[in-house]
Amino acid sequence: MFQVRIHGRGGQGVVTAAELLSVAAFRAGKHAQAFPSFGSERTGAPVVAFCRVDDKEIRLREPILEPDCLIVQDATLFKSIDLFEGLHPKGYLLVNTRKSFEELHLEKVVHRLPEGHARMVPATELAMQHVGRAVPNAALLGALAALTRLVSLEHVVAAIRDAFPGKVGEANVLAAMAAHDALVRHDVAA
């Protein structure tokens, strides 16, 4: 089973990201579940969402305490919450930022992970460019597809189009594709 924990703030599409990831996994022929955990439901409040993906039926229903992948939609959360709690030693880290891991003071955590498992992507900038709103979720899912290969970009695109038909969906597809391409280009250059 592959478990993903997504941290962000209300209004960034954290819950939607988990739901879209589960639909993408389902489209890939896998079993998946997505669910949120949040206190106050106001814009800007910390929000956590979870997604499990497996080749067989998933019976667990509790929050993910030991994720295989951690997606951070808002890097300011590093200052107030221990987001790395339980992260698998061979896990993946995807952060929405243009800053380096050194600038975020995360180099110790990143060096504990396998090489290439920690990446950053300017998902909010890509969302602003393509969607016109600061909702980094679709871009981060495109980057997740490139980073982990848990699901393909094609499955992510199909899940976005299912959830958001029309112009909004296509704008989010462009953001997801741009983030995916940015990570793939970086891998080729490295």
C-alpha atoms as a PDB file:
ATOM      1  CA  MET A   1       0.000   0.000   0.000  1.00  0.00           C
ATOM      2  CA  PHE A   2       1.207   3.508  -0.840  1.00  0.00           C
ATOM      3  CA  GLN A   3       0.058   6.222   1.570  1.00  0.00           C
ATOM      4  CA  VAL A   4       0.065   9.960   0.865  1.00  0.00           C
ATOM      5  CA  ARG A   5      -0.454  12.727   3.408  1.00  0.00           C
ATOM      6  CA  ILE A   6      -1.184  16.218   2.062  1.00  0.00           C
ATOM      7  CA  HIS A   7      -0.704  19.322   4.226  1.00  0.00           C
ATOM      8  CA  GLY A   8      -1.922  22.771   3.307  1.00  0.00           C
ATOM      9  CA  ARG A   9      -4.329  25.506   4.254  1.00  0.00           C
ATOM     10  CA  GLY A  10      -8.045  25.872   3.730  1.00  0.00           C
ATOM     11  CA  GLY A  11      -8.784  27.186   0.251  1.00  0.00           C
ATOM     12  CA  GLN A  12      -5.740  25.590  -1.424  1.00  0.00           C
ATOM     13  CA  GLY A  13      -7.585  22.468  -2.572  1.00  0.00           C
ATOM     14  CA  VAL A  14      -5.978  20.018  -0.136  1.00  0.00           C
ATOM     15  CA  VAL A  15      -9.075  17.819   0.156  1.00  0.00           C
ATOM     16  CA  THR A  16      -9.694  18.012  -3.583  1.00  0.00           C
ATOM     17  CA  ALA A  17      -6.082  16.938  -4.228  1.00  0.00           C
ATOM     18  CA  ALA A  18      -6.574  13.758  -2.195  1.00  0.00           C
ATOM     19  CA  GLU A  19      -9.865  13.043  -3.963  1.00  0.00           C
ATOM     20  CA  LEU A  20      -8.349  13.632  -7.409  1.00  0.00           C
ATOM     21  CA  LEU A  21      -5.417  11.365  -6.571  1.00  0.00           C
ATOM     22  CA  SER A  22      -7.788   8.594  -5.520  1.00  0.00           C
ATOM     23  CA  VAL A  23      -9.752   8.935  -8.782  1.00  0.00           C
ATOM     24  CA  ALA A  24      -6.511   8.869 -10.796  1.00  0.00           C
ATOM     25  CA  ALA A  25      -5.475   5.683  -8.965  1.00  0.00           C
ATOM     26  CA  PHE A  26      -8.893   4.135  -9.574  1.00  0.00           C
ATOM     27  CA  ARG A  27      -8.576   4.972 -13.281  1.00  0.00           C
ATOM     28  CA  ALA A  28      -5.204   3.182 -13.193  1.00  0.00           C
ATOM     29  CA  GLY A  29      -6.966   0.036 -11.998  1.00  0.00           C
ATOM     30  CA  LYS A  30      -6.006   0.362  -8.344  1.00  0.00           C
ATOM     31  CA  HIS A  31      -8.004   0.551  -5.135  1.00  0.00           C
ATOM     32  CA  ALA A  32      -7.944   3.937  -3.431  1.00  0.00           C
ATOM     33  CA  GLN A  33      -9.467   5.950  -0.638  1.00  0.00           C
ATOM     34  CA  ALA A  34      -9.248   9.645   0.197  1.00  0.00           C
ATOM     35  CA  PHE A  35     -10.405  11.507   3.279  1.00  0.00           C
ATOM     36  CA  PRO A  36      -9.730  14.831   5.051  1.00  0.00           C
ATOM     37  CA  SER A  37      -8.927  15.852   8.599  1.00  0.00           C
ATOM     38  CA  PHE A  38      -9.445  19.438   9.642  1.00  0.00           C
ATOM     39  CA  GLY A  39     -10.698  21.510  12.552  1.00  0.00           C
ATOM     40  CA  SER A  40     -12.099  24.910  11.739  1.00  0.00           C
ATOM     41  CA  GLU A  41     -13.242  25.078   8.147  1.00  0.00           C
ATOM     42  CA  ARG A  42     -12.050  28.572   7.353  1.00  0.00           C
ATOM     43  CA  THR A  43      -9.764  29.777   4.614  1.00  0.00           C
ATOM     44  CA  GLY A  44      -6.147  29.737   5.744  1.00  0.00           C
ATOM     45  CA  ALA A  45      -6.567  27.210   8.567  1.00  0.00           C
ATOM     46  CA  PRO A  46      -4.268  24.157   8.463  1.00  0.00           C
ATOM     47  CA  VAL A  47      -5.822  21.199   6.670  1.00  0.00           C
ATOM     48  CA  VAL A  48      -4.597  17.626   6.221  1.00  0.00           C
ATOM     49  CA  ALA A  49      -5.947  15.127   3.708  1.00  0.00           C
ATOM     50  CA  PHE A  50      -4.980  11.534   3.106  1.00  0.00           C
ATOM     51  CA  CYS A  51      -4.961   9.126   0.188  1.00  0.00           C
ATOM     52  CA  ARG A  52      -4.199   5.408   0.179  1.00  0.00           C
ATOM     53  CA  VAL A  53      -3.541   3.434  -3.008  1.00  0.00           C
ATOM     54  CA  ASP A  54      -3.170  -0.325  -3.266  1.00  0.00           C
ATOM     55  CA  ASP A  55      -3.596  -3.202  -5.680  1.00  0.00           C
ATOM     56  CA  LYS A  56      -6.093  -4.824  -3.330  1.00  0.00           C
ATOM     57  CA  GLU A  57      -9.075  -3.651  -1.295  1.00  0.00           C
ATOM     58  CA  ILE A  58      -8.223  -1.135   1.432  1.00  0.00           C
ATOM     59  CA  ARG A  59      -9.837  -1.796   4.800  1.00  0.00           C
ATOM     60  CA  LEU A  60      -7.967   0.768   6.926  1.00  0.00           C
ATOM     61  CA  ARG A  61      -9.915   3.870   7.886  1.00  0.00           C
ATOM     62  CA  GLU A  62      -7.618   5.735  10.264  1.00  0.00           C
ATOM     63  CA  PRO A  63      -5.448   8.772   9.457  1.00  0.00           C
ATOM     64  CA  ILE A  64      -2.082   8.101   7.842  1.00  0.00           C
ATOM     65  CA  LEU A  65       0.608   8.296  10.516  1.00  0.00           C
ATOM     66  CA  GLU A  66       3.460   6.819   8.442  1.00  0.00           C
ATOM     67  CA  PRO A  67       3.157   8.228   4.910  1.00  0.00           C
ATOM     68  CA  ASP A  68       5.169   7.020   1.947  1.00  0.00           C
ATOM     69  CA  CYS A  69       4.772  10.470   0.435  1.00  0.00           C
ATOM     70  CA  LEU A  70       4.304  13.882   1.955  1.00  0.00           C
ATOM     71  CA  ILE A  71       2.910  16.748  -0.140  1.00  0.00           C
ATOM     72  CA  VAL A  72       3.196  20.219   1.377  1.00  0.00           C
ATOM     73  CA  GLN A  73       1.000  22.779  -0.352  1.00  0.00           C
ATOM     74  CA  ASP A  74       2.067  25.645   1.940  1.00  0.00           C
ATOM     75  CA  ALA A  75       5.714  25.797   3.047  1.00  0.00           C
ATOM     76  CA  THR A  76       4.868  28.222   5.889  1.00  0.00           C
ATOM     77  CA  LEU A  77       3.448  25.213   7.759  1.00  0.00           C
ATOM     78  CA  PHE A  78       7.006  23.990   8.422  1.00  0.00           C
ATOM     79  CA  LYS A  79       7.320  26.772  11.017  1.00  0.00           C
ATOM     80  CA  SER A  80       4.353  25.610  13.100  1.00  0.00           C
ATOM     81  CA  ILE A  81       3.843  21.853  12.594  1.00  0.00           C
ATOM     82  CA  ASP A  82       6.159  18.825  12.503  1.00  0.00           C
ATOM     83  CA  LEU A  83       5.073  17.715   9.050  1.00  0.00           C
ATOM     84  CA  PHE A  84       7.738  15.012   8.814  1.00  0.00           C
ATOM     85  CA  GLU A  85       6.408  12.933  11.680  1.00  0.00           C
ATOM     86  CA  GLY A  86       6.231   9.315  10.536  1.00  0.00           C
ATOM     87  CA  LEU A  87       7.577   9.916   7.005  1.00  0.00           C
ATOM     88  CA  HIS A  88       8.950   6.616   5.714  1.00  0.00           C
ATOM     89  CA  PRO A  89      12.797   6.618   5.488  1.00  0.00           C
ATOM     90  CA  LYS A  90      12.516   5.808   1.776  1.00  0.00           C
ATOM     91  CA  GLY A  91       9.578   8.168   1.327  1.00  0.00           C
ATOM     92  CA  TYR A  92       8.968  11.063  -1.008  1.00  0.00           C
ATOM     93  CA  LEU A  93       8.647  14.768  -0.249  1.00  0.00           C
ATOM     94  CA  LEU A  94       7.021  17.252  -2.609  1.00  0.00           C
ATOM     95  CA  VAL A  95       6.910  20.917  -1.555  1.00  0.00           C
ATOM     96  CA  ASN A  96       5.106  23.803  -3.223  1.00  0.00           C
ATOM     97  CA  THR A  97       7.821  26.455  -3.246  1.00  0.00           C
ATOM     98  CA  ARG A  98      10.419  28.161  -5.353  1.00  0.00           C
ATOM     99  CA  LYS A  99      12.823  28.297  -2.388  1.00  0.00           C
ATOM    100  CA  SER A 100      15.574  25.739  -1.948  1.00  0.00           C
ATOM    101  CA  PHE A 101      15.504  23.146   0.810  1.00  0.00           C
ATOM    102  CA  GLU A 102      18.431  25.002   2.384  1.00  0.00           C
ATOM    103  CA  GLU A 103      16.440  28.257   2.440  1.00  0.00           C
ATOM    104  CA  LEU A 104      13.616  26.358   4.160  1.00  0.00           C
ATOM    105  CA  HIS A 105      16.126  24.800   6.604  1.00  0.00           C
ATOM    106  CA  LEU A 106      15.098  21.300   5.515  1.00  0.00           C
ATOM    107  CA  GLU A 107      18.442  20.010   4.272  1.00  0.00           C
ATOM    108  CA  LYS A 108      18.804  17.517   7.187  1.00  0.00           C
ATOM    109  CA  VAL A 109      15.425  15.938   6.427  1.00  0.00           C
ATOM    110  CA  VAL A 110      16.067  15.874   2.682  1.00  0.00           C
ATOM    111  CA  HIS A 111      19.486  14.218   3.120  1.00  0.00           C
ATOM    112  CA  ARG A 112      17.854  11.372   5.081  1.00  0.00           C
ATOM    113  CA  LEU A 113      15.660  10.517   2.072  1.00  0.00           C
ATOM    114  CA  PRO A 114      16.921   8.623  -0.993  1.00  0.00           C
ATOM    115  CA  GLU A 115      18.433  10.844  -3.676  1.00  0.00           C
ATOM    116  CA  GLY A 116      15.766  12.347  -5.923  1.00  0.00           C
ATOM    117  CA  HIS A 117      12.909  11.645  -3.490  1.00  0.00           C
ATOM    118  CA  ALA A 118      12.598  15.249  -2.299  1.00  0.00           C
ATOM    119  CA  ARG A 119      11.548  17.862  -4.807  1.00  0.00           C
ATOM    120  CA  MET A 120      10.041  21.306  -4.925  1.00  0.00           C
ATOM    121  CA  VAL A 121       7.805  22.783  -7.572  1.00  0.00           C
ATOM    122  CA  PRO A 122       6.374  26.323  -7.815  1.00  0.00           C
ATOM    123  CA  ALA A 123       2.823  24.972  -7.945  1.00  0.00           C
ATOM    124  CA  THR A 124       1.111  28.173  -6.815  1.00  0.00           C
ATOM    125  CA  GLU A 125       2.895  30.131  -9.552  1.00  0.00           C
ATOM    126  CA  LEU A 126       1.862  27.540 -12.133  1.00  0.00           C
ATOM    127  CA  ALA A 127      -1.725  27.685 -10.874  1.00  0.00           C
ATOM    128  CA  MET A 128      -1.750  31.484 -11.101  1.00  0.00           C
ATOM    129  CA  GLN A 129      -0.330  31.316 -14.609  1.00  0.00           C
ATOM    130  CA  HIS A 130      -2.775  28.711 -15.920  1.00  0.00           C
ATOM    131  CA  VAL A 131      -5.828  28.836 -13.623  1.00  0.00           C
ATOM    132  CA  GLY A 132      -5.685  32.437 -12.431  1.00  0.00           C
ATOM    133  CA  ARG A 133      -6.093  31.376  -8.776  1.00  0.00           C
ATOM    134  CA  ALA A 134      -3.679  30.286  -6.045  1.00  0.00           C
ATOM    135  CA  VAL A 135      -4.839  26.652  -5.973  1.00  0.00           C
ATOM    136  CA  PRO A 136      -1.710  24.498  -6.291  1.00  0.00           C
ATOM    137  CA  ASN A 137      -3.404  21.092  -5.983  1.00  0.00           C
ATOM    138  CA  ALA A 138      -3.595  20.079  -9.659  1.00  0.00           C
ATOM    139  CA  ALA A 139      -0.024  21.198 -10.345  1.00  0.00           C
ATOM    140  CA  LEU A 140       1.213  19.202  -7.355  1.00  0.00           C
ATOM    141  CA  LEU A 141      -0.578  16.087  -8.603  1.00  0.00           C
ATOM    142  CA  GLY A 142       1.144  16.449 -11.967  1.00  0.00           C
ATOM    143  CA  ALA A 143       4.468  16.726 -10.131  1.00  0.00           C
ATOM    144  CA  LEU A 144       3.567  13.728  -7.947  1.00  0.00           C
ATOM    145  CA  ALA A 145       3.005  11.620 -11.059  1.00  0.00           C
ATOM    146  CA  ALA A 146       6.516  12.519 -12.273  1.00  0.00           C
ATOM    147  CA  LEU A 147       8.149  12.036  -8.867  1.00  0.00           C
ATOM    148  CA  THR A 148       6.621   8.737  -7.717  1.00  0.00           C
ATOM    149  CA  ARG A 149       5.036   7.206 -10.824  1.00  0.00           C
ATOM    150  CA  LEU A 150       2.241   6.073  -8.475  1.00  0.00           C
ATOM    151  CA  VAL A 151      -0.166   7.153 -11.209  1.00  0.00           C
ATOM    152  CA  SER A 152       0.494   8.429 -14.710  1.00  0.00           C
ATOM    153  CA  LEU A 153       0.028  11.988 -15.866  1.00  0.00           C
ATOM    154  CA  GLU A 154      -2.736  10.689 -18.163  1.00  0.00           C
ATOM    155  CA  HIS A 155      -4.660   9.358 -15.159  1.00  0.00           C
ATOM    156  CA  VAL A 156      -4.214  12.642 -13.279  1.00  0.00           C
ATOM    157  CA  VAL A 157      -5.444  14.593 -16.313  1.00  0.00           C
ATOM    158  CA  ALA A 158      -8.488  12.319 -16.647  1.00  0.00           C
ATOM    159  CA  ALA A 159      -9.320  12.751 -12.942  1.00  0.00           C
ATOM    160  CA  ILE A 160      -9.102  16.545 -13.250  1.00  0.00           C
ATOM    161  CA  ARG A 161     -11.337  16.545 -16.314  1.00  0.00           C
ATOM    162  CA  ASP A 162     -13.855  14.292 -14.528  1.00  0.00           C
ATOM    163  CA  ALA A 163     -14.048  16.670 -11.566  1.00  0.00           C
ATOM    164  CA  PHE A 164     -13.897  19.956 -13.484  1.00  0.00           C
ATOM    165  CA  PRO A 165     -15.257  19.753 -17.005  1.00  0.00           C
ATOM    166  CA  GLY A 166     -14.778  22.766 -19.260  1.00  0.00           C
ATOM    167  CA  LYS A 167     -12.436  25.749 -18.989  1.00  0.00           C
ATOM    168  CA  VAL A 168     -11.617  25.324 -15.295  1.00  0.00           C
ATOM    169  CA  GLY A 169     -10.637  21.704 -15.819  1.00  0.00           C
ATOM    170  CA  GLU A 170      -8.516  22.459 -18.858  1.00  0.00           C
ATOM    171  CA  ALA A 171      -6.722  25.258 -17.013  1.00  0.00           C
ATOM    172  CA  ASN A 172      -5.925  22.856 -14.165  1.00  0.00           C
ATOM    173  CA  VAL A 173      -4.769  20.239 -16.678  1.00  0.00           C
ATOM    174  CA  LEU A 174      -2.291  22.775 -18.077  1.00  0.00           C
ATOM    175  CA  ALA A 175      -0.974  23.475 -14.563  1.00  0.00           C
ATOM    176  CA  ALA A 176      -0.590  19.741 -13.859  1.00  0.00           C
ATOM    177  CA  MET A 177       1.192  19.177 -17.161  1.00  0.00           C
ATOM    178  CA  ALA A 178       3.546  22.108 -16.570  1.00  0.00           C
ATOM    179  CA  ALA A 179       4.516  20.820 -13.105  1.00  0.00           C
ATOM    180  CA  HIS A 180       5.000  17.296 -14.446  1.00  0.00           C
ATOM    181  CA  ASP A 181       7.176  18.571 -17.284  1.00  0.00           C
ATOM    182  CA  ALA A 182       9.235  20.725 -14.883  1.00  0.00           C
ATOM    183  CA  LEU A 183      10.145  17.678 -12.785  1.00  0.00           C
ATOM    184  CA  VAL A 184      10.814  15.470 -15.808  1.00  0.00           C
ATOM    185  CA  ARG A 185      13.043  18.147 -17.395  1.00  0.00           C
ATOM    186  CA  HIS A 186      14.966  18.483 -14.126  1.00  0.00           C
ATOM    187  CA  ASP A 187      15.493  14.703 -13.974  1.00  0.00           C
ATOM    188  CA  VAL A 188      16.822  14.654 -17.540  1.00  0.00           C
ATOM    189  CA  ALA A 189      19.185  17.547 -16.789  1.00  0.00           C
ATOM    190  CA  ALA A 190      20.473  15.976 -13.545  1.00  0.00           C
END
